[in-house]
Amino acid sequence: MTVISIEPTPPITVDDSGDVSVYPDVESACARIEVFDLPELWIVDSRGRRLRAEVEGYDVIGLAIEADLPPMPGELAARLRAFIERAGPARLGLSDVAETRTEELLAAMLRPPDRSFPRLPARRWWRGRFARHR
């Protein structure tokens, strides 16, 4: 007997023109998606199936699988890899992003990033920017 899932399989990935976010479940994704951004968003589940947002007023109330579109697991992996390469794989505890499986990329995106990297304090950056000219 084959079980057919009609619900999205978490985690949910949302790509907003290269800015990728991964949410642990549909409810978390719906809470963060804004209706006005929907035309630019690429939303998929962990299997690479395209998702359609269900909207009520100005709220996203659910995500449904687009049955007429084929799954795109390769596209999901490519977008995750591109984002992680730009963001810095070490911050997510990854070394070789090209060889990492999609499931591991999703799990890494769900973990909190490593914030131990040195950063320039904002006050030092702003210090000379608005100095009075005498």
N, C-alpha and C. Protein backbone atom coordinates (compact mmCIF):
# COMPACT_ATOMS: atom_id res chain seq x y z
N MET A 1 0.83 -1.17 0.00
CA MET A 1 0.00 0.00 0.00
C MET A 1 0.88 1.25 0.00
N THR A 2 0.64 2.16 -0.91
CA THR A 2 1.40 3.39 -1.02
C THR A 2 0.66 4.51 -0.30
N VAL A 3 1.40 5.22 0.54
CA VAL A 3 0.81 6.35 1.25
C VAL A 3 1.18 7.62 0.49
N ILE A 4 0.19 8.39 0.12
CA ILE A 4 0.41 9.64 -0.60
C ILE A 4 0.18 10.80 0.36
N SER A 5 1.21 11.62 0.51
CA SER A 5 1.12 12.77 1.40
C SER A 5 0.58 13.96 0.63
N ILE A 6 -0.46 14.58 1.15
CA ILE A 6 -1.00 15.77 0.49
C ILE A 6 -0.62 17.03 1.27
N GLU A 7 0.04 16.85 2.39
CA GLU A 7 0.51 17.98 3.19
C GLU A 7 1.97 18.26 2.85
N PRO A 8 2.40 19.51 2.92
CA PRO A 8 3.82 19.81 2.73
C PRO A 8 4.67 19.11 3.79
N THR A 9 5.83 18.64 3.37
CA THR A 9 6.76 17.97 4.27
C THR A 9 7.76 18.99 4.80
N PRO A 10 7.74 19.27 6.11
CA PRO A 10 8.67 20.24 6.68
C PRO A 10 10.11 19.74 6.58
N PRO A 11 11.08 20.64 6.63
CA PRO A 11 10.95 22.08 6.78
C PRO A 11 10.54 22.78 5.49
N ILE A 12 10.06 24.00 5.64
CA ILE A 12 9.58 24.82 4.52
C ILE A 12 10.67 25.83 4.18
N THR A 13 11.00 25.92 2.89
CA THR A 13 12.03 26.85 2.42
C THR A 13 11.36 27.97 1.63
N VAL A 14 11.74 29.21 1.97
CA VAL A 14 11.21 30.38 1.28
C VAL A 14 12.40 31.16 0.72
N ASP A 15 12.41 31.36 -0.59
CA ASP A 15 13.47 32.11 -1.26
C ASP A 15 12.89 33.41 -1.78
N ASP A 16 13.42 34.51 -1.26
CA ASP A 16 12.99 35.84 -1.68
C ASP A 16 14.14 36.48 -2.44
N SER A 17 14.24 36.17 -3.72
CA SER A 17 15.28 36.71 -4.60
C SER A 17 16.69 36.47 -4.06
N GLY A 18 16.95 35.26 -3.60
CA GLY A 18 18.27 34.90 -3.11
C GLY A 18 18.42 34.94 -1.60
N ASP A 19 17.49 35.55 -0.91
CA ASP A 19 17.50 35.57 0.55
C ASP A 19 16.66 34.39 1.02
N VAL A 20 17.33 33.32 1.44
CA VAL A 20 16.66 32.07 1.76
C VAL A 20 16.41 31.95 3.26
N SER A 21 15.20 31.55 3.61
CA SER A 21 14.83 31.27 4.99
C SER A 21 14.24 29.88 5.05
N VAL A 22 14.53 29.17 6.14
CA VAL A 22 14.00 27.82 6.34
C VAL A 22 13.22 27.82 7.65
N TYR A 23 12.02 27.29 7.62
CA TYR A 23 11.14 27.26 8.79
C TYR A 23 10.83 25.80 9.15
N PRO A 24 10.75 25.50 10.45
CA PRO A 24 10.55 24.11 10.87
C PRO A 24 9.19 23.52 10.53
N ASP A 25 8.19 24.39 10.32
CA ASP A 25 6.85 23.88 10.02
C ASP A 25 6.06 24.91 9.23
N VAL A 26 4.90 24.50 8.76
CA VAL A 26 4.05 25.36 7.93
C VAL A 26 3.58 26.58 8.73
N GLU A 27 3.22 26.40 9.98
CA GLU A 27 2.72 27.50 10.80
C GLU A 27 3.77 28.60 10.96
N SER A 28 5.02 28.22 11.19
CA SER A 28 6.10 29.21 11.33
C SER A 28 6.30 29.98 10.03
N ALA A 29 6.26 29.26 8.92
CA ALA A 29 6.43 29.93 7.62
C ALA A 29 5.29 30.90 7.36
N CYS A 30 4.06 30.46 7.62
CA CYS A 30 2.90 31.33 7.39
C CYS A 30 2.96 32.59 8.24
N ALA A 31 3.46 32.47 9.45
CA ALA A 31 3.55 33.62 10.34
C ALA A 31 4.56 34.65 9.84
N ARG A 32 5.56 34.22 9.07
CA ARG A 32 6.61 35.14 8.62
C ARG A 32 6.42 35.65 7.19
N ILE A 33 5.60 34.99 6.41
CA ILE A 33 5.39 35.41 5.02
C ILE A 33 4.40 36.56 4.97
N GLU A 34 4.76 37.60 4.23
CA GLU A 34 3.86 38.73 4.06
C GLU A 34 3.16 38.62 2.70
N VAL A 35 1.88 38.91 2.70
CA VAL A 35 1.06 38.77 1.50
C VAL A 35 1.63 39.60 0.34
N PHE A 36 2.14 40.78 0.64
CA PHE A 36 2.63 41.67 -0.42
C PHE A 36 3.88 41.12 -1.10
N ASP A 37 4.62 40.21 -0.42
CA ASP A 37 5.83 39.63 -0.98
C ASP A 37 5.57 38.37 -1.81
N LEU A 38 4.37 37.83 -1.76
CA LEU A 38 4.09 36.54 -2.41
C LEU A 38 4.49 36.45 -3.88
N PRO A 39 4.28 37.49 -4.71
CA PRO A 39 4.67 37.34 -6.12
C PRO A 39 6.16 37.07 -6.33
N GLU A 40 7.02 37.51 -5.41
CA GLU A 40 8.46 37.32 -5.57
C GLU A 40 8.98 36.07 -4.87
N LEU A 41 8.16 35.41 -4.08
CA LEU A 41 8.63 34.29 -3.27
C LEU A 41 8.58 32.96 -4.01
N TRP A 42 9.58 32.14 -3.74
CA TRP A 42 9.64 30.76 -4.22
C TRP A 42 9.55 29.91 -2.96
N ILE A 43 8.44 29.19 -2.79
CA ILE A 43 8.18 28.45 -1.56
C ILE A 43 8.10 26.97 -1.88
N VAL A 44 8.89 26.14 -1.17
CA VAL A 44 8.89 24.69 -1.38
C VAL A 44 8.97 23.96 -0.05
N ASP A 45 8.59 22.69 -0.06
CA ASP A 45 8.77 21.86 1.13
C ASP A 45 10.12 21.14 1.01
N SER A 46 10.40 20.23 1.95
CA SER A 46 11.71 19.57 1.97
C SER A 46 11.93 18.62 0.79
N ARG A 47 10.88 18.27 0.09
CA ARG A 47 11.00 17.40 -1.09
C ARG A 47 11.12 18.20 -2.39
N GLY A 48 11.13 19.52 -2.28
CA GLY A 48 11.25 20.36 -3.46
C GLY A 48 9.93 20.58 -4.18
N ARG A 49 8.82 20.30 -3.52
CA ARG A 49 7.49 20.52 -4.14
C ARG A 49 7.08 21.98 -3.94
N ARG A 50 6.69 22.64 -5.04
CA ARG A 50 6.25 24.03 -4.97
C ARG A 50 5.00 24.14 -4.12
N LEU A 51 4.94 25.21 -3.32
CA LEU A 51 3.80 25.44 -2.45
C LEU A 51 3.11 26.74 -2.83
N ARG A 52 1.80 26.73 -2.69
CA ARG A 52 0.97 27.91 -2.96
C ARG A 52 0.45 28.41 -1.62
N ALA A 53 0.54 29.70 -1.42
CA ALA A 53 0.05 30.30 -0.17
C ALA A 53 -1.45 30.47 -0.23
N GLU A 54 -2.10 30.09 0.85
CA GLU A 54 -3.54 30.32 0.99
C GLU A 54 -3.70 31.58 1.82
N VAL A 55 -4.41 32.56 1.26
CA VAL A 55 -4.49 33.89 1.85
C VAL A 55 -5.91 34.19 2.28
N GLU A 56 -6.02 34.85 3.42
CA GLU A 56 -7.30 35.35 3.91
C GLU A 56 -7.05 36.78 4.39
N GLY A 57 -7.59 37.74 3.65
CA GLY A 57 -7.33 39.14 3.97
C GLY A 57 -5.86 39.46 3.73
N TYR A 58 -5.17 39.89 4.77
CA TYR A 58 -3.74 40.19 4.67
C TYR A 58 -2.88 39.13 5.35
N ASP A 59 -3.47 37.98 5.65
CA ASP A 59 -2.76 36.92 6.35
C ASP A 59 -2.59 35.69 5.48
N VAL A 60 -1.42 35.06 5.61
CA VAL A 60 -1.20 33.76 4.98
C VAL A 60 -1.66 32.73 6.01
N ILE A 61 -2.67 31.95 5.66
CA ILE A 61 -3.25 31.02 6.63
C ILE A 61 -2.86 29.57 6.37
N GLY A 62 -2.17 29.30 5.27
CA GLY A 62 -1.75 27.93 4.99
C GLY A 62 -0.93 27.84 3.73
N LEU A 63 -0.32 26.68 3.52
CA LEU A 63 0.45 26.40 2.33
C LEU A 63 -0.03 25.09 1.75
N ALA A 64 -0.29 25.07 0.45
CA ALA A 64 -0.76 23.87 -0.22
C ALA A 64 0.20 23.51 -1.35
N ILE A 65 0.32 22.23 -1.61
CA ILE A 65 1.20 21.74 -2.67
C ILE A 65 0.58 22.05 -4.03
N GLU A 66 1.40 22.60 -4.92
CA GLU A 66 0.97 22.86 -6.31
C GLU A 66 1.04 21.52 -7.05
N ALA A 67 -0.08 20.86 -7.20
CA ALA A 67 -0.12 19.51 -7.76
C ALA A 67 0.29 19.45 -9.23
N ASP A 68 0.08 20.54 -9.98
CA ASP A 68 0.39 20.51 -11.40
C ASP A 68 1.85 20.79 -11.72
N LEU A 69 2.68 21.11 -10.69
CA LEU A 69 4.10 21.36 -10.92
C LEU A 69 4.92 20.18 -10.40
N PRO A 70 5.93 19.74 -11.17
CA PRO A 70 6.75 18.62 -10.71
C PRO A 70 7.66 19.06 -9.56
N PRO A 71 8.05 18.12 -8.67
CA PRO A 71 8.99 18.45 -7.60
C PRO A 71 10.33 18.88 -8.19
N MET A 72 11.01 19.79 -7.50
CA MET A 72 12.30 20.29 -7.97
C MET A 72 13.35 20.19 -6.86
N PRO A 73 13.71 18.97 -6.44
CA PRO A 73 14.69 18.85 -5.36
C PRO A 73 16.07 19.40 -5.75
N GLY A 74 16.43 19.30 -7.02
CA GLY A 74 17.70 19.84 -7.48
C GLY A 74 17.75 21.35 -7.37
N GLU A 75 16.65 22.01 -7.71
CA GLU A 75 16.56 23.47 -7.60
C GLU A 75 16.63 23.91 -6.14
N LEU A 76 15.98 23.16 -5.25
CA LEU A 76 16.04 23.46 -3.82
C LEU A 76 17.48 23.37 -3.32
N ALA A 77 18.18 22.31 -3.67
CA ALA A 77 19.57 22.14 -3.25
C ALA A 77 20.45 23.26 -3.80
N ALA A 78 20.26 23.63 -5.05
CA ALA A 78 21.07 24.68 -5.67
C ALA A 78 20.86 26.03 -4.97
N ARG A 79 19.61 26.36 -4.67
CA ARG A 79 19.34 27.63 -3.99
C ARG A 79 19.90 27.64 -2.58
N LEU A 80 19.79 26.53 -1.86
CA LEU A 80 20.36 26.44 -0.52
C LEU A 80 21.88 26.58 -0.56
N ARG A 81 22.52 25.88 -1.48
CA ARG A 81 23.98 25.96 -1.60
C ARG A 81 24.45 27.38 -1.93
N ALA A 82 23.78 28.02 -2.87
CA ALA A 82 24.17 29.39 -3.25
C ALA A 82 24.05 30.34 -2.07
N PHE A 83 22.97 30.24 -1.31
CA PHE A 83 22.78 31.11 -0.15
C PHE A 83 23.83 30.84 0.92
N ILE A 84 24.07 29.57 1.22
CA ILE A 84 25.03 29.22 2.27
C ILE A 84 26.44 29.65 1.87
N GLU A 85 26.79 29.53 0.61
CA GLU A 85 28.11 30.00 0.15
C GLU A 85 28.27 31.50 0.37
N ARG A 86 27.20 32.26 0.10
CA ARG A 86 27.27 33.71 0.30
C ARG A 86 27.29 34.08 1.78
N ALA A 87 26.53 33.36 2.59
CA ALA A 87 26.42 33.67 4.02
C ALA A 87 27.63 33.21 4.81
N GLY A 88 28.34 32.22 4.31
CA GLY A 88 29.49 31.68 5.03
C GLY A 88 29.18 30.32 5.62
N PRO A 89 29.66 29.25 4.97
CA PRO A 89 29.35 27.90 5.44
C PRO A 89 29.83 27.61 6.86
N ALA A 90 30.94 28.21 7.26
CA ALA A 90 31.48 27.95 8.60
C ALA A 90 30.51 28.40 9.69
N ARG A 91 29.76 29.46 9.43
CA ARG A 91 28.79 29.93 10.41
C ARG A 91 27.70 28.91 10.68
N LEU A 92 27.46 28.03 9.72
CA LEU A 92 26.44 27.00 9.88
C LEU A 92 27.04 25.63 10.20
N GLY A 93 28.35 25.60 10.41
CA GLY A 93 29.02 24.35 10.75
C GLY A 93 29.23 23.43 9.56
N LEU A 94 29.31 24.01 8.37
CA LEU A 94 29.51 23.22 7.15
C LEU A 94 30.87 23.53 6.56
N SER A 95 31.47 22.52 5.92
CA SER A 95 32.76 22.76 5.29
C SER A 95 32.67 22.64 3.77
N ASP A 96 32.17 21.53 3.28
CA ASP A 96 32.08 21.32 1.83
C ASP A 96 30.62 21.35 1.41
N VAL A 97 30.13 22.54 1.08
CA VAL A 97 28.73 22.72 0.75
C VAL A 97 28.35 21.97 -0.52
N ALA A 98 29.25 21.89 -1.47
CA ALA A 98 28.95 21.24 -2.76
C ALA A 98 28.64 19.76 -2.59
N GLU A 99 29.23 19.11 -1.60
CA GLU A 99 29.04 17.68 -1.39
C GLU A 99 28.01 17.36 -0.31
N THR A 100 27.45 18.37 0.31
CA THR A 100 26.50 18.17 1.40
C THR A 100 25.13 17.85 0.85
N ARG A 101 24.48 16.85 1.43
CA ARG A 101 23.14 16.46 1.00
C ARG A 101 22.11 17.53 1.37
N THR A 102 21.02 17.57 0.64
CA THR A 102 19.97 18.57 0.86
C THR A 102 19.43 18.51 2.29
N GLU A 103 19.23 17.31 2.82
CA GLU A 103 18.70 17.17 4.18
C GLU A 103 19.63 17.81 5.20
N GLU A 104 20.95 17.67 4.99
CA GLU A 104 21.92 18.27 5.90
C GLU A 104 21.95 19.78 5.76
N LEU A 105 21.77 20.28 4.53
CA LEU A 105 21.72 21.73 4.33
C LEU A 105 20.51 22.32 5.05
N LEU A 106 19.36 21.66 4.94
CA LEU A 106 18.15 22.14 5.62
C LEU A 106 18.34 22.12 7.14
N ALA A 107 18.94 21.04 7.66
CA ALA A 107 19.16 20.94 9.10
C ALA A 107 20.12 22.05 9.57
N ALA A 108 21.14 22.34 8.77
CA ALA A 108 22.09 23.40 9.13
C ALA A 108 21.41 24.77 9.13
N MET A 109 20.50 24.99 8.19
CA MET A 109 19.79 26.27 8.13
C MET A 109 18.84 26.44 9.31
N LEU A 110 18.36 25.35 9.88
CA LEU A 110 17.46 25.44 11.03
C LEU A 110 18.19 25.67 12.34
N ARG A 111 19.49 25.32 12.40
CA ARG A 111 20.28 25.55 13.61
C ARG A 111 20.60 27.03 13.74
N PRO A 112 20.74 27.55 14.98
CA PRO A 112 21.16 28.94 15.14
C PRO A 112 22.59 29.10 14.60
N PRO A 113 22.88 30.22 13.93
CA PRO A 113 24.22 30.41 13.37
C PRO A 113 25.26 30.65 14.46
N ASP A 114 26.51 30.36 14.13
CA ASP A 114 27.63 30.60 15.04
C ASP A 114 27.91 32.09 15.04
N ARG A 115 27.71 32.73 16.18
CA ARG A 115 27.91 34.18 16.29
C ARG A 115 29.25 34.53 16.91
N SER A 116 30.19 33.57 16.95
CA SER A 116 31.48 33.83 17.58
C SER A 116 32.47 34.52 16.66
N PHE A 117 32.09 34.75 15.41
CA PHE A 117 32.98 35.43 14.49
C PHE A 117 33.17 36.88 14.91
N PRO A 118 34.39 37.41 14.84
CA PRO A 118 34.60 38.81 15.23
C PRO A 118 33.87 39.75 14.28
N ARG A 119 33.26 40.77 14.86
CA ARG A 119 32.54 41.76 14.07
C ARG A 119 33.00 43.14 14.51
N LEU A 120 33.01 44.05 13.59
CA LEU A 120 33.37 45.43 13.90
C LEU A 120 32.19 46.07 14.61
N PRO A 121 32.40 46.59 15.82
CA PRO A 121 31.29 47.23 16.52
C PRO A 121 30.72 48.39 15.71
N ALA A 122 29.43 48.56 15.76
CA ALA A 122 28.76 49.59 14.98
C ALA A 122 29.26 50.98 15.35
N ARG A 123 29.50 51.22 16.61
CA ARG A 123 29.91 52.58 17.01
C ARG A 123 31.25 52.96 16.39
N ARG A 124 32.17 52.00 16.22
CA ARG A 124 33.44 52.31 15.58
C ARG A 124 33.24 52.63 14.10
N TRP A 125 32.34 51.92 13.47
CA TRP A 125 32.09 52.15 12.06
C TRP A 125 31.50 53.54 11.84
N TRP A 126 30.59 53.96 12.73
CA TRP A 126 29.92 55.25 12.58
C TRP A 126 30.81 56.41 13.02
N ARG A 127 31.86 56.15 13.77
CA ARG A 127 32.63 57.21 14.41
C ARG A 127 33.06 58.31 13.43
N GLY A 128 33.65 58.08 12.38
CA GLY A 128 34.13 59.13 11.50
C GLY A 128 33.18 59.52 10.39
N ARG A 129 32.07 58.87 10.31
CA ARG A 129 31.16 59.08 9.19
C ARG A 129 30.47 60.45 9.22
N PHE A 130 30.12 60.92 10.41
CA PHE A 130 29.37 62.17 10.51
C PHE A 130 30.11 63.20 11.35
N ALA A 131 31.43 63.15 11.29
CA ALA A 131 32.23 64.12 12.05
C ALA A 131 32.02 65.51 11.47
N ARG A 132 32.02 66.47 12.35
CA ARG A 132 31.86 67.86 11.90
C ARG A 132 33.11 68.31 11.16
N HIS A 133 32.89 69.00 10.08
CA HIS A 133 34.00 69.54 9.31
C HIS A 133 34.28 70.94 9.81
N ARG A 134 35.50 71.18 10.20
CA ARG A 134 35.86 72.51 10.72
C ARG A 134 36.63 73.31 9.73
